Amino acid sequence: MANESIHDIMVALEETGLVSLASNSPTVVTFIKSSRGGDIAMYGGHTYTKNRNLPCERSYWDCRKKDNYGCKGTITLNSPNDVLSTAEHNHVANVNETKAEEVKANLRERAKKSLTKPRRLLSDLVENIPIKVAGHLPSAHSLTRKARWQRQVHMPAPEKPEDIDLNTYLEKSEVGWDSVLFDSERADPQRIIILKGEVFQDLRLAKTWIMDDTFQIVPKLFHQLYTIHFDHSCGLFPVLFTLLPDKSSATYERLFRAIPGELEAMPFRLDLEEGPKPKSIVIDSERAVINTAGCHFHFSQAVWRKVQENGLVVQYLNDDKCSRSIRMVLALAFVPRESSKDAWQTLLHLESFNAAPESGFAKFVHYFRETWVGYTDVNGGEVPAMYPPDYVSTSIRGRRVANLKQCGSLAWVVRDASRLRSPRNLHVPRRAR
């Protein structure tokens, strides 16, 4: 009667899914890897670890519950992994538990070979498993933590920028080489890597580009992550992600040279008439970026203060010739740096710049020449400007910008002057076309 009662209890437990009787368990030996890389044999609803190798290419395996439950169950295998002999267990077999071990082993193996987030790997594995098996799995937090540990052991973080192998990284990630816009090569001690987002092609339709940096979400081998977004009716979309080694002007110079160069290799061209041409590029006020790309806002504010100091505000608001001339001065920021002095001389030959020596406009011209342009003294020597052209110019090197001499009386500035009637708009003149 006692044996029948035990049998009835085991049958009831099997019906609930908590256990499975050995008679209904798989009879083929299968193997998985433990978290430390050892072999685990699964047979008849039990799991085993190798005890030792025996003569004649045989191996002796102990039940994994030997230490916790004192189980003396064993199996002996030959070289083709056929079962030669078994010893009884002191606990019932549980197929669902062994299947849960398979899920955990598969998660560990996938974490070693893929850069997909552990949470997503786990979600893919447990999506279709029976609820009876899921009940034997640890918590999601525990599983993902162990998956991250496996990844750290088998794919350790590189110690130097040149140790980063993008070929290996992209083979194991969900992105391909098409997602790499620029890489300055592994041998470069100041390595720069630029990756592009899924909506990169929409960048050619954007009228406004926005650049910003962050220092918290970045690998330790790099100093910052510099991102480039574009403005869309639905919001801001990130399209370029750049890993930079430092915050120096030289690094920003390389970045701003690399992006136009790589874009020219795309199916569309920024410097062609039918290609995309952003109307504005917004950056932060970091000194290194200003030294590299210029800051039109600060430049315009400085010019407007001199307009006020020389009593030109009323004249600017009421005299089209005066307001047009000041806008022409501001438009020098969009001229290539090497052509800035020639463009300034072109302005000085215009009739609107021939003001009386003691007038406020003449004083304004004198200020601008000494502060932003530079001049030639009476002895023929070159006197540099207080601020170099690099601080003022916002033109992108290599971009085709119309020469001011070919524009005659700067009709592109005159045409847009009517749209900028208020002093508060002085710092946003239209771009040269």
Foldseek 3Di string as FASTA:
>chain_A
DVVVVVVVVVVVCVVVQNADALVPFAAAWDWFADLVGAIWIDGSQFIWGWDAADPQQKTKTATPCCVVPVWRWIFMAHNVRHTDDIDDTPDGHRNLLVVLVVLLRVLQVLLLQAPPQSLVSSCVSPVPDDPSNVVNHDDSVVSSVSSVVSNCVNPNDDPAQLVDDVVSRQVRYPHHPVQWLDWPHSVDNFIKTKGFDPCQVCVFVAQEKEKEWDQPPADPNFRIWIWIWGQDPVGIDTTMIMGGRDLALVRVLVVLVSVQVSQCVDPAHQQDPPTGDHFYYHYDPDPSNLLAQADLQVVLVVLVVLCVVLVNPVVLLPPLLVVLLSLLLSLLQQDPQVCSQVSLVLSCPDPSQPDDCPHSSVVSNVLCQQAENWDADPVRDTGAHVDGSSNRHNHRPPHDFDRNVVCRVVVVSSVQSVVQNDSVCSSRGTHGD
